[in-house]
Amino acid sequence: MKFDCLGQSVCENEGQCFQDTPDCPQRSMCICPKCFYGTRCQFSSSGFGLSLDAILGYHIQPHISLIQQPNIVKTSLALTIIFMVVGFINGVLALITFNNKTICEVGC
């Protein structure tokens, strides 16, 4: 990666774009300025809050399969799936419960 992208940059936030060949490039990459990261420098590390992007942003490796990702990424994905499944089951059980007419009659 030696060649500038010659005005065809896909990089955001003033990232520097480089490509493998000047004519008909197959690959390009972005060199991000300070406080930005991601394949296109699309994420900012300044002003992080409590979000998965802030916590896991630097750990997620692009173009790498899930099996080869760090354990923190796999753990967060597993917990996210578990919470979604439990929430879905909770919603279905709530619908079943409140579709029962006798349960709806009990109360004030």
N, C-alpha and C. Protein backbone atom coordinates (compact mmCIF):
# COMPACT_ATOMS: atom_id res chain seq x y z
N MET A 1 0.84 -1.17 0.00
CA MET A 1 0.00 0.00 0.00
C MET A 1 0.89 1.24 0.00
N LYS A 2 1.08 1.79 -1.17
CA LYS A 2 1.96 2.94 -1.30
C LYS A 2 1.27 4.14 -1.92
N PHE A 3 0.23 3.93 -2.65
CA PHE A 3 -0.30 4.97 -3.51
C PHE A 3 -1.49 5.68 -2.88
N ASP A 4 -1.50 7.00 -3.04
CA ASP A 4 -2.62 7.82 -2.57
C ASP A 4 -3.84 7.49 -3.42
N CYS A 5 -5.02 7.65 -2.86
CA CYS A 5 -6.25 7.30 -3.59
C CYS A 5 -6.67 8.34 -4.63
N LEU A 6 -5.90 9.39 -4.79
CA LEU A 6 -6.09 10.37 -5.86
C LEU A 6 -7.51 10.95 -5.90
N GLY A 7 -7.98 11.43 -4.77
CA GLY A 7 -9.29 12.07 -4.71
C GLY A 7 -10.47 11.13 -4.67
N GLN A 8 -10.24 9.84 -4.70
CA GLN A 8 -11.30 8.84 -4.67
C GLN A 8 -11.42 8.21 -3.28
N SER A 9 -11.14 8.95 -2.26
CA SER A 9 -11.05 8.41 -0.91
C SER A 9 -12.41 8.01 -0.35
N VAL A 10 -12.46 6.86 0.30
CA VAL A 10 -13.65 6.43 1.03
C VAL A 10 -13.49 6.72 2.52
N CYS A 11 -12.35 7.27 2.90
CA CYS A 11 -12.06 7.53 4.31
C CYS A 11 -12.86 8.73 4.80
N GLU A 12 -13.32 8.63 6.02
CA GLU A 12 -14.06 9.73 6.64
C GLU A 12 -13.18 10.44 7.65
N ASN A 13 -13.63 11.57 8.12
CA ASN A 13 -12.95 12.34 9.18
C ASN A 13 -11.49 12.64 8.85
N GLU A 14 -11.25 12.99 7.60
CA GLU A 14 -9.92 13.38 7.12
C GLU A 14 -8.87 12.27 7.25
N GLY A 15 -9.30 11.02 7.14
CA GLY A 15 -8.36 9.91 7.12
C GLY A 15 -7.61 9.87 5.80
N GLN A 16 -6.38 9.37 5.82
CA GLN A 16 -5.58 9.27 4.60
C GLN A 16 -5.85 7.93 3.93
N CYS A 17 -6.15 7.97 2.65
CA CYS A 17 -6.47 6.77 1.89
C CYS A 17 -5.25 6.31 1.09
N PHE A 18 -4.98 5.01 1.14
CA PHE A 18 -3.90 4.41 0.35
C PHE A 18 -4.45 3.19 -0.37
N GLN A 19 -3.92 2.92 -1.57
CA GLN A 19 -4.36 1.76 -2.34
C GLN A 19 -3.15 0.99 -2.86
N ASP A 20 -3.40 -0.25 -3.29
CA ASP A 20 -2.29 -1.12 -3.68
C ASP A 20 -1.66 -0.75 -5.02
N THR A 21 -2.42 -0.25 -5.96
CA THR A 21 -1.87 0.17 -7.25
C THR A 21 -2.54 1.48 -7.67
N PRO A 22 -1.84 2.31 -8.46
CA PRO A 22 -2.47 3.57 -8.89
C PRO A 22 -3.58 3.35 -9.92
N ASP A 23 -3.44 2.31 -10.75
CA ASP A 23 -4.45 2.01 -11.76
C ASP A 23 -5.19 0.74 -11.37
N CYS A 24 -6.50 0.77 -11.41
CA CYS A 24 -7.35 -0.38 -11.07
C CYS A 24 -6.99 -1.00 -9.72
N PRO A 25 -7.10 -0.25 -8.64
CA PRO A 25 -6.73 -0.80 -7.33
C PRO A 25 -7.69 -1.90 -6.89
N GLN A 26 -7.14 -2.90 -6.24
CA GLN A 26 -7.93 -4.00 -5.69
C GLN A 26 -8.24 -3.79 -4.21
N ARG A 27 -7.32 -3.15 -3.51
CA ARG A 27 -7.48 -2.94 -2.07
C ARG A 27 -7.13 -1.51 -1.72
N SER A 28 -7.81 -1.00 -0.72
CA SER A 28 -7.47 0.31 -0.19
C SER A 28 -7.57 0.25 1.33
N MET A 29 -6.88 1.16 1.98
CA MET A 29 -6.95 1.21 3.44
C MET A 29 -6.86 2.66 3.88
N CYS A 30 -7.39 2.92 5.06
CA CYS A 30 -7.39 4.27 5.61
C CYS A 30 -6.46 4.35 6.81
N ILE A 31 -5.69 5.40 6.87
CA ILE A 31 -4.88 5.71 8.05
C ILE A 31 -5.63 6.82 8.77
N CYS A 32 -6.09 6.52 9.96
CA CYS A 32 -6.99 7.42 10.68
C CYS A 32 -6.21 8.45 11.49
N PRO A 33 -6.76 9.68 11.59
CA PRO A 33 -6.16 10.67 12.48
C PRO A 33 -6.43 10.31 13.94
N LYS A 34 -5.81 11.04 14.82
CA LYS A 34 -5.95 10.79 16.25
C LYS A 34 -7.43 10.87 16.64
N CYS A 35 -7.84 9.96 17.52
CA CYS A 35 -9.20 9.89 18.07
C CYS A 35 -10.23 9.31 17.10
N PHE A 36 -9.81 8.76 15.95
CA PHE A 36 -10.73 8.11 15.04
C PHE A 36 -10.22 6.71 14.72
N TYR A 37 -11.14 5.79 14.47
CA TYR A 37 -10.76 4.42 14.13
C TYR A 37 -11.86 3.79 13.28
N GLY A 38 -11.61 2.59 12.80
CA GLY A 38 -12.54 1.88 11.94
C GLY A 38 -11.94 1.72 10.56
N THR A 39 -12.53 0.89 9.74
CA THR A 39 -11.99 0.64 8.40
C THR A 39 -12.02 1.89 7.54
N ARG A 40 -12.95 2.80 7.81
CA ARG A 40 -13.03 4.07 7.07
C ARG A 40 -12.88 5.27 7.99
N CYS A 41 -12.33 5.07 9.19
CA CYS A 41 -12.18 6.15 10.19
C CYS A 41 -13.54 6.72 10.57
N GLN A 42 -14.55 5.87 10.58
CA GLN A 42 -15.91 6.34 10.80
C GLN A 42 -16.29 6.46 12.28
N PHE A 43 -15.49 5.90 13.18
CA PHE A 43 -15.81 5.94 14.60
C PHE A 43 -14.89 6.91 15.32
N SER A 44 -15.44 7.57 16.33
CA SER A 44 -14.67 8.53 17.12
C SER A 44 -14.50 7.99 18.53
N SER A 45 -13.31 8.15 19.08
CA SER A 45 -13.07 7.71 20.45
C SER A 45 -13.16 8.87 21.43
N SER A 46 -13.40 10.07 20.94
CA SER A 46 -13.56 11.20 21.85
C SER A 46 -15.02 11.30 22.25
N GLY A 47 -15.26 11.54 23.50
CA GLY A 47 -16.62 11.66 24.00
C GLY A 47 -17.36 10.34 24.06
N PHE A 48 -16.63 9.27 24.33
CA PHE A 48 -17.28 7.97 24.46
C PHE A 48 -18.29 7.98 25.60
N GLY A 49 -19.36 7.28 25.42
CA GLY A 49 -20.32 7.04 26.49
C GLY A 49 -20.31 5.56 26.81
N LEU A 50 -21.31 5.13 27.51
CA LEU A 50 -21.42 3.71 27.82
C LEU A 50 -22.22 3.03 26.73
N SER A 51 -21.55 2.63 25.68
CA SER A 51 -22.18 1.90 24.60
C SER A 51 -21.25 0.78 24.17
N LEU A 52 -21.79 -0.20 23.46
CA LEU A 52 -20.95 -1.29 22.99
C LEU A 52 -19.89 -0.79 22.02
N ASP A 53 -20.22 0.24 21.26
CA ASP A 53 -19.23 0.82 20.35
C ASP A 53 -18.04 1.35 21.13
N ALA A 54 -18.31 2.00 22.24
CA ALA A 54 -17.22 2.57 23.05
C ALA A 54 -16.42 1.48 23.74
N ILE A 55 -17.10 0.46 24.23
CA ILE A 55 -16.42 -0.57 25.01
C ILE A 55 -15.67 -1.55 24.11
N LEU A 56 -16.29 -1.94 23.01
CA LEU A 56 -15.72 -2.99 22.16
C LEU A 56 -15.10 -2.48 20.86
N GLY A 57 -15.21 -1.20 20.59
CA GLY A 57 -14.78 -0.66 19.30
C GLY A 57 -13.38 -1.05 18.90
N TYR A 58 -12.45 -0.98 19.81
CA TYR A 58 -11.05 -1.29 19.47
C TYR A 58 -10.79 -2.80 19.41
N HIS A 59 -11.68 -3.60 19.96
CA HIS A 59 -11.46 -5.05 20.00
C HIS A 59 -11.96 -5.76 18.75
N ILE A 60 -12.95 -5.20 18.08
CA ILE A 60 -13.53 -5.84 16.90
C ILE A 60 -12.55 -5.71 15.74
N GLN A 61 -12.19 -6.84 15.17
CA GLN A 61 -11.22 -6.86 14.07
C GLN A 61 -11.97 -7.09 12.75
N PRO A 62 -11.90 -6.13 11.82
CA PRO A 62 -12.61 -6.29 10.56
C PRO A 62 -11.98 -7.37 9.69
N HIS A 63 -12.80 -7.99 8.87
CA HIS A 63 -12.37 -9.02 7.92
C HIS A 63 -11.80 -10.25 8.62
N ILE A 64 -12.17 -10.49 9.87
CA ILE A 64 -11.75 -11.66 10.63
C ILE A 64 -13.02 -12.41 11.04
N SER A 65 -13.00 -13.73 10.92
CA SER A 65 -14.20 -14.50 11.27
C SER A 65 -14.49 -14.40 12.76
N LEU A 66 -15.72 -14.71 13.12
CA LEU A 66 -16.15 -14.61 14.52
C LEU A 66 -15.34 -15.53 15.42
N ILE A 67 -14.97 -16.68 14.93
CA ILE A 67 -14.20 -17.64 15.73
C ILE A 67 -12.84 -17.08 16.11
N GLN A 68 -12.26 -16.24 15.28
CA GLN A 68 -10.93 -15.69 15.54
C GLN A 68 -10.98 -14.34 16.25
N GLN A 69 -12.16 -13.83 16.54
CA GLN A 69 -12.28 -12.56 17.26
C GLN A 69 -11.87 -12.77 18.73
N PRO A 70 -11.47 -11.70 19.42
CA PRO A 70 -11.12 -11.82 20.84
C PRO A 70 -12.30 -12.31 21.68
N ASN A 71 -11.99 -12.89 22.84
CA ASN A 71 -13.03 -13.46 23.71
C ASN A 71 -14.04 -12.41 24.16
N ILE A 72 -13.63 -11.18 24.36
CA ILE A 72 -14.56 -10.13 24.80
C ILE A 72 -15.64 -9.90 23.76
N VAL A 73 -15.29 -10.00 22.49
CA VAL A 73 -16.27 -9.82 21.41
C VAL A 73 -17.24 -11.00 21.38
N LYS A 74 -16.71 -12.21 21.50
CA LYS A 74 -17.57 -13.39 21.51
C LYS A 74 -18.49 -13.40 22.72
N THR A 75 -17.97 -13.00 23.88
CA THR A 75 -18.78 -12.96 25.10
C THR A 75 -19.90 -11.94 24.96
N SER A 76 -19.59 -10.76 24.45
CA SER A 76 -20.63 -9.74 24.31
C SER A 76 -21.69 -10.16 23.30
N LEU A 77 -21.28 -10.84 22.24
CA LEU A 77 -22.25 -11.34 21.27
C LEU A 77 -23.15 -12.40 21.90
N ALA A 78 -22.56 -13.31 22.67
CA ALA A 78 -23.35 -14.34 23.33
C ALA A 78 -24.35 -13.73 24.31
N LEU A 79 -23.91 -12.76 25.10
CA LEU A 79 -24.82 -12.10 26.05
C LEU A 79 -25.93 -11.35 25.33
N THR A 80 -25.59 -10.70 24.24
CA THR A 80 -26.60 -9.98 23.46
C THR A 80 -27.66 -10.94 22.93
N ILE A 81 -27.22 -12.08 22.41
CA ILE A 81 -28.17 -13.07 21.89
C ILE A 81 -29.03 -13.63 23.01
N ILE A 82 -28.42 -13.92 24.16
CA ILE A 82 -29.18 -14.44 25.30
C ILE A 82 -30.24 -13.43 25.74
N PHE A 83 -29.86 -12.16 25.87
CA PHE A 83 -30.83 -11.13 26.28
C PHE A 83 -31.96 -10.99 25.27
N MET A 84 -31.65 -11.09 23.99
CA MET A 84 -32.69 -10.98 22.97
C MET A 84 -33.65 -12.17 23.03
N VAL A 85 -33.12 -13.37 23.21
CA VAL A 85 -33.97 -14.56 23.29
C VAL A 85 -34.85 -14.49 24.53
N VAL A 86 -34.27 -14.12 25.67
CA VAL A 86 -35.05 -14.01 26.91
C VAL A 86 -36.13 -12.94 26.76
N GLY A 87 -35.80 -11.81 26.14
CA GLY A 87 -36.80 -10.77 25.91
C GLY A 87 -37.91 -11.23 24.99
N PHE A 88 -37.57 -11.97 23.95
CA PHE A 88 -38.59 -12.50 23.05
C PHE A 88 -39.51 -13.48 23.77
N ILE A 89 -38.92 -14.39 24.54
CA ILE A 89 -39.72 -15.35 25.31
C ILE A 89 -40.62 -14.61 26.30
N ASN A 90 -40.08 -13.59 26.96
CA ASN A 90 -40.87 -12.80 27.91
C ASN A 90 -42.06 -12.15 27.21
N GLY A 91 -41.85 -11.61 26.02
CA GLY A 91 -42.93 -10.98 25.28
C GLY A 91 -44.01 -11.98 24.87
N VAL A 92 -43.60 -13.16 24.42
CA VAL A 92 -44.56 -14.20 24.03
C VAL A 92 -45.37 -14.65 25.23
N LEU A 93 -44.70 -14.88 26.36
CA LEU A 93 -45.41 -15.30 27.57
C LEU A 93 -46.36 -14.21 28.07
N ALA A 94 -45.98 -12.96 27.93
CA ALA A 94 -46.87 -11.86 28.33
C ALA A 94 -48.11 -11.84 27.43
N LEU A 95 -47.93 -12.04 26.13
CA LEU A 95 -49.08 -12.08 25.23
C LEU A 95 -50.01 -13.24 25.57
N ILE A 96 -49.44 -14.40 25.84
CA ILE A 96 -50.25 -15.56 26.20
C ILE A 96 -51.01 -15.28 27.50
N THR A 97 -50.33 -14.70 28.46
CA THR A 97 -50.95 -14.42 29.76
C THR A 97 -52.11 -13.45 29.62
N PHE A 98 -51.92 -12.35 28.91
CA PHE A 98 -52.95 -11.32 28.86
C PHE A 98 -54.00 -11.57 27.78
N ASN A 99 -53.86 -12.62 27.01
CA ASN A 99 -54.94 -13.04 26.11
C ASN A 99 -55.95 -13.91 26.84
N ASN A 100 -55.63 -14.36 28.03
CA ASN A 100 -56.54 -15.16 28.85
C ASN A 100 -57.56 -14.22 29.48
N LYS A 101 -58.87 -14.41 29.17
CA LYS A 101 -59.93 -13.50 29.62
C LYS A 101 -60.08 -13.50 31.14
N THR A 102 -59.90 -14.64 31.78
CA THR A 102 -60.10 -14.69 33.24
C THR A 102 -59.04 -13.88 33.97
N ILE A 103 -57.85 -13.84 33.45
CA ILE A 103 -56.79 -13.05 34.09
C ILE A 103 -57.08 -11.56 33.93
N CYS A 104 -57.63 -11.17 32.78
CA CYS A 104 -57.93 -9.76 32.55
C CYS A 104 -59.08 -9.27 33.43
N GLU A 105 -59.99 -10.17 33.86
CA GLU A 105 -61.12 -9.78 34.70
C GLU A 105 -60.71 -9.53 36.14
N VAL A 106 -59.63 -10.13 36.59
CA VAL A 106 -59.16 -9.95 37.96
C VAL A 106 -58.47 -8.60 38.04
N GLY A 107 -58.82 -7.81 38.99
CA GLY A 107 -58.19 -6.51 39.15
C GLY A 107 -59.20 -5.46 39.53
N CYS A 108 -58.78 -4.24 39.54
CA CYS A 108 -59.66 -3.15 39.98
C CYS A 108 -60.63 -2.74 38.92
